[in-house]
């Protein structure tokens, strides 16, 4: 009878340890996912702020060439930013810049 109880105890402990290891792996994966999301959120916030700052500066200076160059180079404060917001065929056409179709203003 003791052997049977000891065997059952060992089986239960083995199952318990496996489930604990699995739970640890899941917890680590969750923490990694949360960390990557946090980093992505910070990066997108920095990009958004840089773009906003660029457009604010553009409103004041009206230097479209400088702004377009910055966007083409992908200077958004991070390395994973796209190199250009426009396809190569829509590069600067020599105009003063895009106008709003509705208001005609920049």
PDB file of N, CA and C in Angstrom:
ATOM      1  N   UNK A   1       0.804  -1.183   0.000  1.00  0.00           N
ATOM      2  CA  UNK A   1       0.000   0.000   0.000  1.00  0.00           C
ATOM      3  C   UNK A   1       0.858   1.263   0.000  1.00  0.00           C
ATOM      4  N   UNK A   2       1.980   1.237   0.723  1.00  0.00           N
ATOM      5  CA  UNK A   2       2.858   2.397   0.773  1.00  0.00           C
ATOM      6  C   UNK A   2       3.489   2.684  -0.583  1.00  0.00           C
ATOM      7  N   UNK A   3       3.864   1.636  -1.262  1.00  0.00           N
ATOM      8  CA  UNK A   3       4.471   1.817  -2.572  1.00  0.00           C
ATOM      9  C   UNK A   3       3.508   2.501  -3.521  1.00  0.00           C
ATOM     10  N   UNK A   4       2.255   2.096  -3.475  1.00  0.00           N
ATOM     11  CA  UNK A   4       1.238   2.684  -4.338  1.00  0.00           C
ATOM     12  C   UNK A   4       1.035   4.159  -4.006  1.00  0.00           C
ATOM     13  N   UNK A   5       0.988   4.479  -2.731  1.00  0.00           N
ATOM     14  CA  UNK A   5       0.829   5.875  -2.316  1.00  0.00           C
ATOM     15  C   UNK A   5       2.042   6.705  -2.744  1.00  0.00           C
ATOM     16  N   UNK A   6       3.216   6.138  -2.586  1.00  0.00           N
ATOM     17  CA  UNK A   6       4.435   6.841  -2.972  1.00  0.00           C
ATOM     18  C   UNK A   6       4.462   7.075  -4.489  1.00  0.00           C
ATOM     19  N   UNK A   7       4.022   6.059  -5.240  1.00  0.00           N
ATOM     20  CA  UNK A   7       3.978   6.170  -6.697  1.00  0.00           C
ATOM     21  C   UNK A   7       3.014   7.277  -7.120  1.00  0.00           C
ATOM     22  N   UNK A   8       1.818   7.286  -6.539  1.00  0.00           N
ATOM     23  CA  UNK A   8       0.821   8.320  -6.838  1.00  0.00           C
ATOM     24  C   UNK A   8       1.349   9.709  -6.470  1.00  0.00           C
ATOM     25  N   UNK A   9       2.015   9.784  -5.360  1.00  0.00           N
ATOM     26  CA  UNK A   9       2.581  11.051  -4.917  1.00  0.00           C
ATOM     27  C   UNK A   9       3.624  11.548  -5.931  1.00  0.00           C
ATOM     28  N   UNK A  10       4.460  10.642  -6.406  1.00  0.00           N
ATOM     29  CA  UNK A  10       5.467  11.011  -7.392  1.00  0.00           C
ATOM     30  C   UNK A  10       4.823  11.463  -8.709  1.00  0.00           C
ATOM     31  N   UNK A  11       3.770  10.770  -9.128  1.00  0.00           N
ATOM     32  CA  UNK A  11       3.059  11.170 -10.345  1.00  0.00           C
ATOM     33  C   UNK A  11       2.466  12.569 -10.191  1.00  0.00           C
ATOM     34  N   UNK A  12       1.807  12.808  -9.047  1.00  0.00           N
ATOM     35  CA  UNK A  12       1.207  14.115  -8.807  1.00  0.00           C
ATOM     36  C   UNK A  12       2.273  15.218  -8.770  1.00  0.00           C
ATOM     37  N   UNK A  13       3.385  14.942  -8.100  1.00  0.00           N
ATOM     38  CA  UNK A  13       4.458  15.934  -8.049  1.00  0.00           C
ATOM     39  C   UNK A  13       5.033  16.205  -9.444  1.00  0.00           C
ATOM     40  N   UNK A  14       5.173  15.158 -10.239  1.00  0.00           N
ATOM     41  CA  UNK A  14       5.673  15.316 -11.606  1.00  0.00           C
ATOM     42  C   UNK A  14       4.743  16.175 -12.444  1.00  0.00           C
ATOM     43  N   UNK A  15       3.434  15.906 -12.360  1.00  0.00           N
ATOM     44  CA  UNK A  15       2.446  16.692 -13.099  1.00  0.00           C
ATOM     45  C   UNK A  15       2.441  18.139 -12.618  1.00  0.00           C
ATOM     46  N   UNK A  16       2.534  18.300 -11.311  1.00  0.00           N
ATOM     47  CA  UNK A  16       2.549  19.642 -10.729  1.00  0.00           C
ATOM     48  C   UNK A  16       3.762  20.434 -11.225  1.00  0.00           C
ATOM     49  N   UNK A  17       4.936  19.792 -11.217  1.00  0.00           N
ATOM     50  CA  UNK A  17       6.151  20.464 -11.672  1.00  0.00           C
ATOM     51  C   UNK A  17       6.072  20.832 -13.158  1.00  0.00           C
ATOM     52  N   UNK A  18       5.513  19.947 -13.978  1.00  0.00           N
ATOM     53  CA  UNK A  18       5.350  20.245 -15.404  1.00  0.00           C
ATOM     54  C   UNK A  18       4.433  21.441 -15.610  1.00  0.00           C
ATOM     55  N   UNK A  19       3.338  21.475 -14.857  1.00  0.00           N
ATOM     56  CA  UNK A  19       2.405  22.593 -14.993  1.00  0.00           C
ATOM     57  C   UNK A  19       3.030  23.903 -14.500  1.00  0.00           C
ATOM     58  N   UNK A  20       3.849  23.827 -13.477  1.00  0.00           N
ATOM     59  CA  UNK A  20       4.520  25.028 -12.985  1.00  0.00           C
ATOM     60  C   UNK A  20       5.531  25.541 -14.015  1.00  0.00           C
ATOM     61  N   UNK A  21       6.268  24.613 -14.648  1.00  0.00           N
ATOM     62  CA  UNK A  21       7.214  25.021 -15.689  1.00  0.00           C
ATOM     63  C   UNK A  21       6.474  25.676 -16.848  1.00  0.00           C
ATOM     64  N   UNK A  22       5.365  25.084 -17.244  1.00  0.00           N
ATOM     65  CA  UNK A  22       4.565  25.635 -18.344  1.00  0.00           C
ATOM     66  C   UNK A  22       4.049  27.019 -17.970  1.00  0.00           C
ATOM     67  N   UNK A  23       3.585  27.184 -16.751  1.00  0.00           N
ATOM     68  CA  UNK A  23       3.097  28.485 -16.293  1.00  0.00           C
ATOM     69  C   UNK A  23       4.222  29.520 -16.306  1.00  0.00           C
ATOM     70  N   UNK A  24       5.424  29.113 -15.915  1.00  0.00           N
ATOM     71  CA  UNK A  24       6.570  30.026 -15.939  1.00  0.00           C
ATOM     72  C   UNK A  24       6.897  30.464 -17.364  1.00  0.00           C
ATOM     73  N   UNK A  25       6.860  29.510 -18.303  1.00  0.00           N
ATOM     74  CA  UNK A  25       7.128  29.831 -19.705  1.00  0.00           C
ATOM     75  C   UNK A  25       6.078  30.814 -20.225  1.00  0.00           C
ATOM     76  N   UNK A  26       4.824  30.584 -19.887  1.00  0.00           N
ATOM     77  CA  UNK A  26       3.745  31.476 -20.326  1.00  0.00           C
ATOM     78  C   UNK A  26       3.929  32.865 -19.720  1.00  0.00           C
ATOM     79  N   UNK A  27       4.283  32.931 -18.442  1.00  0.00           N
ATOM     80  CA  UNK A  27       4.509  34.218 -17.782  1.00  0.00           C
ATOM     81  C   UNK A  27       5.662  34.984 -18.440  1.00  0.00           C
ATOM     82  N   UNK A  28       6.740  34.282 -18.765  1.00  0.00           N
ATOM     83  CA  UNK A  28       7.871  34.928 -19.425  1.00  0.00           C
ATOM     84  C   UNK A  28       7.478  35.444 -20.801  1.00  0.00           C
ATOM     85  N   UNK A  29       6.699  34.648 -21.546  1.00  0.00           N
ATOM     86  CA  UNK A  29       6.250  35.070 -22.869  1.00  0.00           C
ATOM     87  C   UNK A  29       5.343  36.296 -22.751  1.00  0.00           C
ATOM     88  N   UNK A  30       4.498  36.308 -21.745  1.00  0.00           N
ATOM     89  CA  UNK A  30       3.598  37.443 -21.530  1.00  0.00           C
ATOM     90  C   UNK A  30       4.395  38.704 -21.212  1.00  0.00           C
ATOM     91  N   UNK A  31       5.379  38.584 -20.328  1.00  0.00           N
ATOM     92  CA  UNK A  31       6.208  39.736 -19.972  1.00  0.00           C
ATOM     93  C   UNK A  31       6.972  40.249 -21.192  1.00  0.00           C
ATOM     94  N   UNK A  32       7.478  39.336 -22.011  1.00  0.00           N
ATOM     95  CA  UNK A  32       8.192  39.730 -23.218  1.00  0.00           C
ATOM     96  C   UNK A  32       7.266  40.466 -24.177  1.00  0.00           C
ATOM     97  N   UNK A  33       6.060  39.953 -24.348  1.00  0.00           N
ATOM     98  CA  UNK A  33       5.078  40.594 -25.217  1.00  0.00           C
ATOM     99  C   UNK A  33       4.731  41.991 -24.703  1.00  0.00           C
ATOM    100  N   UNK A  34       4.498  42.111 -23.405  1.00  0.00           N
ATOM    101  CA  UNK A  34       4.187  43.418 -22.826  1.00  0.00           C
ATOM    102  C   UNK A  34       5.351  44.387 -22.998  1.00  0.00           C
ATOM    103  N   UNK A  35       6.579  43.908 -22.841  1.00  0.00           N
ATOM    104  CA  UNK A  35       7.760  44.758 -23.022  1.00  0.00           C
ATOM    105  C   UNK A  35       7.866  45.243 -24.459  1.00  0.00           C
ATOM    106  N   UNK A  36       7.656  44.322 -25.412  1.00  0.00           N
ATOM    107  CA  UNK A  36       7.736  44.712 -26.821  1.00  0.00           C
ATOM    108  C   UNK A  36       6.628  45.700 -27.182  1.00  0.00           C
ATOM    109  N   UNK A  37       5.433  45.504 -26.649  1.00  0.00           N
ATOM    110  CA  UNK A  37       4.342  46.452 -26.895  1.00  0.00           C
ATOM    111  C   UNK A  37       4.672  47.823 -26.314  1.00  0.00           C
ATOM    112  N   UNK A  38       5.242  47.830 -25.125  1.00  0.00           N
ATOM    113  CA  UNK A  38       5.616  49.093 -24.470  1.00  0.00           C
ATOM    114  C   UNK A  38       6.661  49.821 -25.320  1.00  0.00           C
ATOM    115  N   UNK A  39       7.664  49.080 -25.815  1.00  0.00           N
ATOM    116  CA  UNK A  39       8.702  49.685 -26.652  1.00  0.00           C
ATOM    117  C   UNK A  39       8.109  50.219 -27.954  1.00  0.00           C
ATOM    118  N   UNK A  40       7.205  49.453 -28.569  1.00  0.00           N
ATOM    119  CA  UNK A  40       6.578  49.891 -29.817  1.00  0.00           C
ATOM    120  C   UNK A  40       5.730  51.142 -29.585  1.00  0.00           C
ATOM    121  N   UNK A  41       5.040  51.179 -28.456  1.00  0.00           N
ATOM    122  CA  UNK A  41       4.218  52.339 -28.127  1.00  0.00           C
ATOM    123  C   UNK A  41       5.099  53.578 -27.929  1.00  0.00           C
ATOM    124  N   UNK A  42       6.220  53.404 -27.254  1.00  0.00           N
ATOM    125  CA  UNK A  42       7.136  54.528 -27.044  1.00  0.00           C
ATOM    126  C   UNK A  42       7.710  55.007 -28.380  1.00  0.00           C
ATOM    127  N   UNK A  43       8.098  54.069 -29.224  1.00  0.00           N
ATOM    128  CA  UNK A  43       8.661  54.422 -30.527  1.00  0.00           C
ATOM    129  C   UNK A  43       7.638  55.165 -31.376  1.00  0.00           C
ATOM    130  N   UNK A  44       6.403  54.679 -31.403  1.00  0.00           N
ATOM    131  CA  UNK A  44       5.386  55.353 -32.209  1.00  0.00           C
ATOM    132  C   UNK A  44       5.053  56.727 -31.639  1.00  0.00           C
ATOM    133  N   UNK A  45       5.106  56.872 -30.325  1.00  0.00           N
ATOM    134  CA  UNK A  45       4.870  58.178 -29.712  1.00  0.00           C
ATOM    135  C   UNK A  45       5.963  59.159 -30.117  1.00  0.00           C
ATOM    136  N   UNK A  46       7.216  58.698 -30.097  1.00  0.00           N
ATOM    137  CA  UNK A  46       8.319  59.558 -30.525  1.00  0.00           C
ATOM    138  C   UNK A  46       8.189  59.946 -31.999  1.00  0.00           C
ATOM    139  N   UNK A  47       7.829  58.984 -32.835  1.00  0.00           N
ATOM    140  CA  UNK A  47       7.643  59.275 -34.250  1.00  0.00           C
ATOM    141  C   UNK A  47       6.528  60.286 -34.455  1.00  0.00           C
ATOM    142  N   UNK A  48       5.416  60.065 -33.773  1.00  0.00           N
ATOM    143  CA  UNK A  48       4.267  60.958 -33.894  1.00  0.00           C
ATOM    144  C   UNK A  48       4.647  62.379 -33.462  1.00  0.00           C
ATOM    145  N   UNK A  49       5.384  62.488 -32.358  1.00  0.00           N
ATOM    146  CA  UNK A  49       5.781  63.801 -31.862  1.00  0.00           C
ATOM    147  C   UNK A  49       6.744  64.483 -32.827  1.00  0.00           C
ATOM    148  N   UNK A  50       7.676  63.715 -33.387  1.00  0.00           N
ATOM    149  CA  UNK A  50       8.615  64.287 -34.350  1.00  0.00           C
ATOM    150  C   UNK A  50       7.892  64.782 -35.590  1.00  0.00           C
ATOM    151  N   UNK A  51       6.943  64.002 -36.068  1.00  0.00           N
ATOM    152  CA  UNK A  51       6.161  64.415 -37.234  1.00  0.00           C
ATOM    153  C   UNK A  51       5.360  65.663 -36.904  1.00  0.00           C
ATOM    154  N   UNK A  52       4.738  65.683 -35.746  1.00  0.00           N
ATOM    155  CA  UNK A  52       3.970  66.843 -35.326  1.00  0.00           C
ATOM    156  C   UNK A  52       4.865  68.072 -35.252  1.00  0.00           C
ATOM    157  N   UNK A  53       6.035  67.929 -34.641  1.00  0.00           N
ATOM    158  CA  UNK A  53       6.974  69.048 -34.524  1.00  0.00           C
ATOM    159  C   UNK A  53       7.409  69.543 -35.905  1.00  0.00           C
ATOM    160  N   UNK A  54       7.649  68.600 -36.816  1.00  0.00           N
ATOM    161  CA  UNK A  54       8.050  68.973 -38.166  1.00  0.00           C
ATOM    162  C   UNK A  54       6.959  69.782 -38.849  1.00  0.00           C
ATOM    163  N   UNK A  55       5.718  69.358 -38.709  1.00  0.00           N
ATOM    164  CA  UNK A  55       4.629  70.092 -39.337  1.00  0.00           C
ATOM    165  C   UNK A  55       4.398  71.450 -38.673  1.00  0.00           C
ATOM    166  N   UNK A  56       4.595  71.517 -37.376  1.00  0.00           N
ATOM    167  CA  UNK A  56       4.489  72.813 -36.701  1.00  0.00           C
ATOM    168  C   UNK A  56       5.563  73.761 -37.215  1.00  0.00           C
ATOM    169  N   UNK A  57       6.784  73.242 -37.353  1.00  0.00           N
ATOM    170  CA  UNK A  57       7.878  74.043 -37.877  1.00  0.00           C
ATOM    171  C   UNK A  57       7.588  74.448 -39.316  1.00  0.00           C
ATOM    172  N   UNK A  58       6.986  73.539 -40.071  1.00  0.00           N
ATOM    173  CA  UNK A  58       6.644  73.796 -41.456  1.00  0.00           C
ATOM    174  C   UNK A  58       5.601  74.905 -41.571  1.00  0.00           C
ATOM    175  N   UNK A  59       4.653  74.930 -40.641  1.00  0.00           N
ATOM    176  CA  UNK A  59       3.642  75.990 -40.646  1.00  0.00           C
ATOM    177  C   UNK A  59       4.293  77.362 -40.511  1.00  0.00           C
ATOM    178  N   UNK A  60       5.336  77.411 -39.706  1.00  0.00           N
ATOM    179  CA  UNK A  60       6.000  78.681 -39.441  1.00  0.00           C
ATOM    180  C   UNK A  60       6.944  79.062 -40.579  1.00  0.00           C
ATOM    181  N   UNK A  61       7.789  78.127 -41.011  1.00  0.00           N
ATOM    182  CA  UNK A  61       8.846  78.452 -41.976  1.00  0.00           C
ATOM    183  C   UNK A  61       8.398  78.344 -43.427  1.00  0.00           C
ATOM    184  N   UNK A  62       7.396  77.538 -43.715  1.00  0.00           N
ATOM    185  CA  UNK A  62       6.911  77.297 -45.084  1.00  0.00           C
ATOM    186  C   UNK A  62       7.998  76.729 -45.991  1.00  0.00           C
ATOM    187  N   UNK A  63       8.966  76.029 -45.416  1.00  0.00           N
ATOM    188  CA  UNK A  63      10.046  75.425 -46.199  1.00  0.00           C
ATOM    189  C   UNK A  63       9.696  73.975 -46.497  1.00  0.00           C
ATOM    190  N   UNK A  64       8.928  73.785 -47.551  1.00  0.00           N
ATOM    191  CA  UNK A  64       8.456  72.452 -47.909  1.00  0.00           C
ATOM    192  C   UNK A  64       9.605  71.541 -48.316  1.00  0.00           C
ATOM    193  N   UNK A  65      10.600  72.090 -48.995  1.00  0.00           N
ATOM    194  CA  UNK A  65      11.722  71.261 -49.447  1.00  0.00           C
ATOM    195  C   UNK A  65      12.424  70.608 -48.261  1.00  0.00           C
ATOM    196  N   UNK A  66      12.667  71.371 -47.200  1.00  0.00           N
ATOM    197  CA  UNK A  66      13.342  70.816 -46.022  1.00  0.00           C
ATOM    198  C   UNK A  66      12.495  69.725 -45.371  1.00  0.00           C
ATOM    199  N   UNK A  67      11.200  69.959 -45.273  1.00  0.00           N
ATOM    200  CA  UNK A  67      10.322  68.977 -44.644  1.00  0.00           C
ATOM    201  C   UNK A  67      10.255  67.701 -45.472  1.00  0.00           C
ATOM    202  N   UNK A  68      10.130  67.855 -46.785  1.00  0.00           N
ATOM    203  CA  UNK A  68      10.066  66.672 -47.647  1.00  0.00           C
ATOM    204  C   UNK A  68      11.376  65.894 -47.599  1.00  0.00           C
ATOM    205  N   UNK A  69      12.499  66.622 -47.560  1.00  0.00           N
ATOM    206  CA  UNK A  69      13.788  65.932 -47.437  1.00  0.00           C
ATOM    207  C   UNK A  69      13.848  65.129 -46.142  1.00  0.00           C
ATOM    208  N   UNK A  70      13.369  65.723 -45.083  1.00  0.00           N
ATOM    209  CA  UNK A  70      13.400  65.027 -43.789  1.00  0.00           C
ATOM    210  C   UNK A  70      12.536  63.765 -43.841  1.00  0.00           C
ATOM    211  N   UNK A  71      11.361  63.862 -44.457  1.00  0.00           N
ATOM    212  CA  UNK A  71      10.506  62.693 -44.557  1.00  0.00           C
ATOM    213  C   UNK A  71      11.107  61.643 -45.471  1.00  0.00           C
ATOM    214  N   UNK A  72      11.737  62.079 -46.560  1.00  0.00           N
ATOM    215  CA  UNK A  72      12.352  61.128 -47.476  1.00  0.00           C
ATOM    216  C   UNK A  72      13.511  60.389 -46.819  1.00  0.00           C
ATOM    217  N   UNK A  73      14.251  61.078 -45.957  1.00  0.00           N
ATOM    218  CA  UNK A  73      15.353  60.436 -45.242  1.00  0.00           C
ATOM    219  C   UNK A  73      14.837  59.564 -44.107  1.00  0.00           C
ATOM    220  N   UNK A  74      13.611  59.787 -43.687  1.00  0.00           N
ATOM    221  CA  UNK A  74      13.050  58.997 -42.600  1.00  0.00           C
ATOM    222  C   UNK A  74      13.530  59.447 -41.240  1.00  0.00           C
ATOM    223  N   UNK A  75      13.781  60.723 -41.072  1.00  0.00           N
ATOM    224  CA  UNK A  75      14.256  61.247 -39.790  1.00  0.00           C
ATOM    225  C   UNK A  75      13.081  61.434 -38.841  1.00  0.00           C
ATOM    226  N   UNK A  76      12.705  60.359 -38.195  1.00  0.00           N
ATOM    227  CA  UNK A  76      11.605  60.420 -37.239  1.00  0.00           C
ATOM    228  C   UNK A  76      12.076  60.078 -35.845  1.00  0.00           C
ATOM    229  N   UNK A  77      13.354  60.030 -35.612  1.00  0.00           N
ATOM    230  CA  UNK A  77      13.882  59.761 -34.290  1.00  0.00           C
ATOM    231  C   UNK A  77      14.139  58.293 -33.991  1.00  0.00           C
ATOM    232  N   UNK A  78      13.783  57.392 -34.911  1.00  0.00           N
ATOM    233  CA  UNK A  78      14.026  55.967 -34.688  1.00  0.00           C
ATOM    234  C   UNK A  78      14.525  55.341 -35.970  1.00  0.00           C
ATOM    235  N   UNK A  79      15.107  54.175 -35.833  1.00  0.00           N
ATOM    236  CA  UNK A  79      15.695  53.513 -36.993  1.00  0.00           C
ATOM    237  C   UNK A  79      14.686  52.740 -37.812  1.00  0.00           C
ATOM    238  N   UNK A  80      13.517  52.402 -37.270  1.00  0.00           N
ATOM    239  CA  UNK A  80      12.572  51.568 -37.998  1.00  0.00           C
ATOM    240  C   UNK A  80      11.538  52.379 -38.757  1.00  0.00           C
ATOM    241  N   UNK A  81      11.746  53.677 -38.870  1.00  0.00           N
ATOM    242  CA  UNK A  81      10.805  54.522 -39.591  1.00  0.00           C
ATOM    243  C   UNK A  81      10.923  54.236 -41.082  1.00  0.00           C
ATOM    244  N   UNK A  82       9.833  54.408 -41.821  1.00  0.00           N
ATOM    245  CA  UNK A  82       9.901  54.214 -43.260  1.00  0.00           C
ATOM    246  C   UNK A  82      10.841  55.244 -43.879  1.00  0.00           C
ATOM    247  N   UNK A  83      11.463  54.888 -44.977  1.00  0.00           N
ATOM    248  CA  UNK A  83      12.422  55.799 -45.582  1.00  0.00           C
ATOM    249  C   UNK A  83      11.724  56.954 -46.270  1.00  0.00           C
ATOM    250  N   UNK A  84      10.522  56.758 -46.754  1.00  0.00           N
ATOM    251  CA  UNK A  84       9.810  57.838 -47.409  1.00  0.00           C
ATOM    252  C   UNK A  84       8.317  57.607 -47.266  1.00  0.00           C
ATOM    253  N   UNK A  85       7.549  58.648 -46.957  1.00  0.00           N
ATOM    254  CA  UNK A  85       6.111  58.464 -46.853  1.00  0.00           C
ATOM    255  C   UNK A  85       5.446  58.399 -48.214  1.00  0.00           C
ATOM    256  N   UNK A  86       6.188  58.759 -49.298  1.00  0.00           N
ATOM    257  CA  UNK A  86       5.628  58.766 -50.634  1.00  0.00           C
ATOM    258  C   UNK A  86       6.377  57.778 -51.503  1.00  0.00           C
ATOM    259  N   UNK A  87       5.662  57.151 -52.448  1.00  0.00           N
ATOM    260  CA  UNK A  87       6.363  56.299 -53.401  1.00  0.00           C
ATOM    261  C   UNK A  87       7.313  57.160 -54.234  1.00  0.00           C
ATOM    262  N   UNK A  88       8.358  56.571 -54.807  1.00  0.00           N
ATOM    263  CA  UNK A  88       9.340  57.348 -55.568  1.00  0.00           C
ATOM    264  C   UNK A  88       8.724  58.157 -56.703  1.00  0.00           C
ATOM    265  N   UNK A  89       7.645  57.702 -57.316  1.00  0.00           N
ATOM    266  CA  UNK A  89       7.047  58.413 -58.442  1.00  0.00           C
ATOM    267  C   UNK A  89       6.368  59.703 -58.015  1.00  0.00           C
ATOM    268  N   UNK A  90       6.058  59.860 -56.722  1.00  0.00           N
ATOM    269  CA  UNK A  90       5.379  61.068 -56.268  1.00  0.00           C
ATOM    270  C   UNK A  90       6.322  61.993 -55.525  1.00  0.00           C
ATOM    271  N   UNK A  91       7.602  61.904 -55.843  1.00  0.00           N
ATOM    272  CA  UNK A  91       8.580  62.785 -55.205  1.00  0.00           C
ATOM    273  C   UNK A  91       8.264  64.221 -55.595  1.00  0.00           C
ATOM    274  N   UNK A  92       8.935  65.142 -54.971  1.00  0.00           N
ATOM    275  CA  UNK A  92       8.651  66.558 -55.184  1.00  0.00           C
ATOM    276  C   UNK A  92       8.529  66.891 -56.658  1.00  0.00           C
ATOM    277  N   UNK A  93       7.458  67.597 -56.971  1.00  0.00           N
ATOM    278  CA  UNK A  93       7.231  67.970 -58.360  1.00  0.00           C
ATOM    279  C   UNK A  93       7.584  69.427 -58.611  1.00  0.00           C
ATOM    280  N   UNK A  94       8.202  70.100 -57.651  1.00  0.00           N
ATOM    281  CA  UNK A  94       8.592  71.483 -57.840  1.00  0.00           C
ATOM    282  C   UNK A  94       7.537  72.458 -57.365  1.00  0.00           C
ATOM    283  N   UNK A  95       6.390  71.963 -56.937  1.00  0.00           N
ATOM    284  CA  UNK A  95       5.366  72.868 -56.446  1.00  0.00           C
ATOM    285  C   UNK A  95       5.714  73.316 -55.034  1.00  0.00           C
ATOM    286  N   UNK A  96       5.001  74.318 -54.570  1.00  0.00           N
ATOM    287  CA  UNK A  96       5.261  74.857 -53.240  1.00  0.00           C
ATOM    288  C   UNK A  96       4.842  73.890 -52.152  1.00  0.00           C
ATOM    289  N   UNK A  97       4.026  72.914 -52.471  1.00  0.00           N
ATOM    290  CA  UNK A  97       3.606  71.937 -51.481  1.00  0.00           C
ATOM    291  C   UNK A  97       2.156  71.562 -51.677  1.00  0.00           C
ATOM    292  N   UNK A  98       1.706  70.562 -50.947  1.00  0.00           N
ATOM    293  CA  UNK A  98       0.319  70.123 -51.104  1.00  0.00           C
ATOM    294  C   UNK A  98      -0.635  71.144 -50.507  1.00  0.00           C
ATOM    295  N   UNK A  99      -1.724  71.381 -51.204  1.00  0.00           N
ATOM    296  CA  UNK A  99      -2.753  72.263 -50.693  1.00  0.00           C
ATOM    297  C   UNK A  99      -3.983  71.448 -50.364  1.00  0.00           C
ATOM    298  N   UNK A 100      -4.736  71.909 -49.412  1.00  0.00           N
ATOM    299  CA  UNK A 100      -5.984  71.257 -49.084  1.00  0.00           C
ATOM    300  C   UNK A 100      -6.963  71.497 -50.211  1.00  0.00           C
ATOM    301  N   UNK A 101      -7.602  70.461 -50.705  1.00  0.00           N
ATOM    302  CA  UNK A 101      -8.536  70.603 -51.803  1.00  0.00           C
ATOM    303  C   UNK A 101      -9.751  71.431 -51.386  1.00  0.00           C
ATOM    304  N   UNK A 102     -10.117  71.345 -50.145  1.00  0.00           N
ATOM    305  CA  UNK A 102     -11.300  72.021 -49.678  1.00  0.00           C
ATOM    306  C   UNK A 102     -11.052  73.515 -49.457  1.00  0.00           C
ATOM    307  N   UNK A 103      -9.946  73.875 -48.792  1.00  0.00           N
ATOM    308  CA  UNK A 103      -9.721  75.271 -48.438  1.00  0.00           C
ATOM    309  C   UNK A 103      -8.740  75.967 -49.359  1.00  0.00           C
ATOM    310  N   UNK A 104      -7.895  75.225 -50.048  1.00  0.00           N
ATOM    311  CA  UNK A 104      -6.887  75.833 -50.896  1.00  0.00           C
ATOM    312  C   UNK A 104      -5.700  76.354 -50.112  1.00  0.00           C
ATOM    313  N   UNK A 105      -5.691  76.087 -48.782  1.00  0.00           N
ATOM    314  CA  UNK A 105      -4.593  76.550 -47.945  1.00  0.00           C
ATOM    315  C   UNK A 105      -3.632  75.405 -47.707  1.00  0.00           C
ATOM    316  N   UNK A 106      -2.436  75.759 -47.254  1.00  0.00           N
ATOM    317  CA  UNK A 106      -1.410  74.759 -46.972  1.00  0.00           C
ATOM    318  C   UNK A 106      -1.713  74.040 -45.743  1.00  0.00           C
TER     319      UNK A 106
END
